[in-house]
Amino acid sequence: MAPSQRLVYDVHTGSTLVENFPENIQWVDGNYRFTDIRLDNLMDFIRKKYRVEVELDKAVNHGLLLTGTIRNDESMEAVIEKICFSSQLTYKKNGSHYLLMK
């Protein structure tokens, strides 16, 4: 495996898969660092990392560029709150489904 890859194991099928991080997300000292990543692409990464559903409202700028860090041990709630704070968004949570909106 390369530094920008992760191994995904499916407990139901017993299969493994090597996934590449998007090129603007790097693994550095136990953190995911991202630079100028589109909000919709960051949400795709978060869906995979936390195995939750994250939806962007139509009024949200899906192409908004973000730069920051997500600690590997950071909770989903903390990550969503950080993203919302820096993007001037709010969110609603229903079970494991998050909706980010203006």
C-alpha atoms as a PDB file:
ATOM      1  CA  MET A   1       0.000   0.000   0.000  1.00  0.00           C
ATOM      2  CA  ALA A   2       1.047   3.565  -0.672  1.00  0.00           C
ATOM      3  CA  PRO A   3       0.724   6.397   1.889  1.00  0.00           C
ATOM      4  CA  SER A   4      -2.387   7.754   0.149  1.00  0.00           C
ATOM      5  CA  GLN A   5      -4.274   4.459   0.243  1.00  0.00           C
ATOM      6  CA  ARG A   6      -6.371   2.598   2.764  1.00  0.00           C
ATOM      7  CA  LEU A   7      -7.419  -1.027   3.074  1.00  0.00           C
ATOM      8  CA  VAL A   8     -11.165  -1.653   3.356  1.00  0.00           C
ATOM      9  CA  TYR A   9     -12.367  -4.991   4.724  1.00  0.00           C
ATOM     10  CA  ASP A  10     -15.979  -6.103   4.205  1.00  0.00           C
ATOM     11  CA  VAL A  11     -17.000  -8.237   7.197  1.00  0.00           C
ATOM     12  CA  HIS A  12     -20.008  -9.623   5.324  1.00  0.00           C
ATOM     13  CA  THR A  13     -18.141 -10.965   2.311  1.00  0.00           C
ATOM     14  CA  GLY A  14     -14.631 -11.294   3.734  1.00  0.00           C
ATOM     15  CA  SER A  15     -13.250  -9.332   0.801  1.00  0.00           C
ATOM     16  CA  THR A  16     -10.693  -6.552   0.936  1.00  0.00           C
ATOM     17  CA  LEU A  17     -10.254  -3.550  -1.298  1.00  0.00           C
ATOM     18  CA  VAL A  18      -7.497  -0.963  -1.559  1.00  0.00           C
ATOM     19  CA  GLU A  19      -8.923   2.543  -2.010  1.00  0.00           C
ATOM     20  CA  ASN A  20      -7.001   5.641  -3.033  1.00  0.00           C
ATOM     21  CA  PHE A  21      -7.638   8.925  -1.266  1.00  0.00           C
ATOM     22  CA  PRO A  22      -8.501  11.785  -3.574  1.00  0.00           C
ATOM     23  CA  GLU A  23      -5.259  13.432  -4.656  1.00  0.00           C
ATOM     24  CA  ASN A  24      -5.914  16.533  -2.539  1.00  0.00           C
ATOM     25  CA  ILE A  25      -6.265  14.503   0.701  1.00  0.00           C
ATOM     26  CA  GLN A  26      -3.059  13.335   2.336  1.00  0.00           C
ATOM     27  CA  TRP A  27      -2.406  11.204   5.411  1.00  0.00           C
ATOM     28  CA  VAL A  28       0.091  13.142   7.555  1.00  0.00           C
ATOM     29  CA  ASP A  29       1.023  12.236  11.147  1.00  0.00           C
ATOM     30  CA  GLY A  30      -2.284  10.493  11.905  1.00  0.00           C
ATOM     31  CA  ASN A  31      -4.421  13.180  10.291  1.00  0.00           C
ATOM     32  CA  TYR A  32      -6.187  13.626   6.983  1.00  0.00           C
ATOM     33  CA  ARG A  33      -5.071  16.916   5.466  1.00  0.00           C
ATOM     34  CA  PHE A  34      -6.991  18.334   2.559  1.00  0.00           C
ATOM     35  CA  THR A  35      -6.225  21.306   0.361  1.00  0.00           C
ATOM     36  CA  ASP A  36      -8.714  23.061  -1.914  1.00  0.00           C
ATOM     37  CA  ILE A  37     -11.075  20.091  -1.994  1.00  0.00           C
ATOM     38  CA  ARG A  38     -14.600  20.627  -3.281  1.00  0.00           C
ATOM     39  CA  LEU A  39     -17.256  20.320  -0.591  1.00  0.00           C
ATOM     40  CA  ASP A  40     -19.073  17.543  -2.482  1.00  0.00           C
ATOM     41  CA  ASN A  41     -15.813  15.544  -2.824  1.00  0.00           C
ATOM     42  CA  LEU A  42     -15.077  16.007   0.880  1.00  0.00           C
ATOM     43  CA  MET A  43     -18.571  14.688   1.667  1.00  0.00           C
ATOM     44  CA  ASP A  44     -17.827  11.593  -0.450  1.00  0.00           C
ATOM     45  CA  PHE A  45     -14.672  11.015   1.611  1.00  0.00           C
ATOM     46  CA  ILE A  46     -16.608  11.473   4.874  1.00  0.00           C
ATOM     47  CA  ARG A  47     -19.300   9.022   3.726  1.00  0.00           C
ATOM     48  CA  LYS A  48     -16.647   6.376   3.222  1.00  0.00           C
ATOM     49  CA  LYS A  49     -14.610   7.125   6.349  1.00  0.00           C
ATOM     50  CA  TYR A  50     -17.546   7.256   8.779  1.00  0.00           C
ATOM     51  CA  ARG A  51     -19.986   5.034   6.871  1.00  0.00           C
ATOM     52  CA  VAL A  52     -22.822   7.551   7.153  1.00  0.00           C
ATOM     53  CA  GLU A  53     -25.109   9.300   4.717  1.00  0.00           C
ATOM     54  CA  VAL A  54     -24.265  12.960   4.159  1.00  0.00           C
ATOM     55  CA  GLU A  55     -26.370  15.058   1.822  1.00  0.00           C
ATOM     56  CA  LEU A  56     -25.850  18.613   0.625  1.00  0.00           C
ATOM     57  CA  ASP A  57     -28.955  20.746   0.211  1.00  0.00           C
ATOM     58  CA  LYS A  58     -29.493  22.177  -3.273  1.00  0.00           C
ATOM     59  CA  ALA A  59     -28.893  25.720  -1.949  1.00  0.00           C
ATOM     60  CA  VAL A  60     -25.380  24.773  -0.769  1.00  0.00           C
ATOM     61  CA  ASN A  61     -22.470  25.558  -3.094  1.00  0.00           C
ATOM     62  CA  HIS A  62     -21.245  22.033  -3.891  1.00  0.00           C
ATOM     63  CA  GLY A  63     -18.100  23.443  -5.505  1.00  0.00           C
ATOM     64  CA  LEU A  64     -16.990  25.381  -2.404  1.00  0.00           C
ATOM     65  CA  LEU A  65     -13.263  24.752  -1.829  1.00  0.00           C
ATOM     66  CA  LEU A  66     -12.100  23.811   1.675  1.00  0.00           C
ATOM     67  CA  THR A  67      -8.695  23.367   3.267  1.00  0.00           C
ATOM     68  CA  GLY A  68      -8.172  21.814   6.684  1.00  0.00           C
ATOM     69  CA  THR A  69      -7.412  18.776   8.807  1.00  0.00           C
ATOM     70  CA  ILE A  70      -9.483  15.877  10.149  1.00  0.00           C
ATOM     71  CA  ARG A  71      -7.899  13.936  12.994  1.00  0.00           C
ATOM     72  CA  ASN A  72      -8.192  10.180  12.551  1.00  0.00           C
ATOM     73  CA  ASP A  73      -9.854   9.884  15.987  1.00  0.00           C
ATOM     74  CA  GLU A  74     -12.223  12.843  15.452  1.00  0.00           C
ATOM     75  CA  SER A  75     -15.933  12.098  15.783  1.00  0.00           C
ATOM     76  CA  MET A  76     -18.364  12.515  12.904  1.00  0.00           C
ATOM     77  CA  GLU A  77     -20.245  15.210  14.831  1.00  0.00           C
ATOM     78  CA  ALA A  78     -17.049  17.222  15.376  1.00  0.00           C
ATOM     79  CA  VAL A  79     -16.112  17.001  11.692  1.00  0.00           C
ATOM     80  CA  ILE A  80     -19.573  18.092  10.513  1.00  0.00           C
ATOM     81  CA  GLU A  81     -19.613  20.954  13.012  1.00  0.00           C
ATOM     82  CA  LYS A  82     -16.175  22.121  11.830  1.00  0.00           C
ATOM     83  CA  ILE A  83     -17.223  22.023   8.196  1.00  0.00           C
ATOM     84  CA  CYS A  84     -20.472  23.854   8.934  1.00  0.00           C
ATOM     85  CA  PHE A  85     -18.707  26.530  10.987  1.00  0.00           C
ATOM     86  CA  SER A  86     -16.078  27.231   8.339  1.00  0.00           C
ATOM     87  CA  SER A  87     -18.636  27.173   5.499  1.00  0.00           C
ATOM     88  CA  GLN A  88     -21.402  29.098   7.279  1.00  0.00           C
ATOM     89  CA  LEU A  89     -23.752  26.107   7.034  1.00  0.00           C
ATOM     90  CA  THR A  90     -26.039  24.310   9.453  1.00  0.00           C
ATOM     91  CA  TYR A  91     -27.008  20.649   9.597  1.00  0.00           C
ATOM     92  CA  LYS A  92     -29.788  18.325  10.638  1.00  0.00           C
ATOM     93  CA  LYS A  93     -29.151  14.809  11.857  1.00  0.00           C
ATOM     94  CA  ASN A  94     -31.613  11.943  11.564  1.00  0.00           C
ATOM     95  CA  GLY A  95     -30.039   8.690  12.772  1.00  0.00           C
ATOM     96  CA  SER A  96     -26.908   8.239  10.655  1.00  0.00           C
ATOM     97  CA  HIS A  97     -28.107  10.700   7.984  1.00  0.00           C
ATOM     98  CA  TYR A  98     -26.797  14.268   7.912  1.00  0.00           C
ATOM     99  CA  LEU A  99     -28.204  17.093   5.793  1.00  0.00           C
ATOM    100  CA  LEU A 100     -26.019  20.170   5.386  1.00  0.00           C
ATOM    101  CA  MET A 101     -27.855  23.356   4.454  1.00  0.00           C
ATOM    102  CA  LYS A 102     -27.586  27.138   4.329  1.00  0.00           C
END
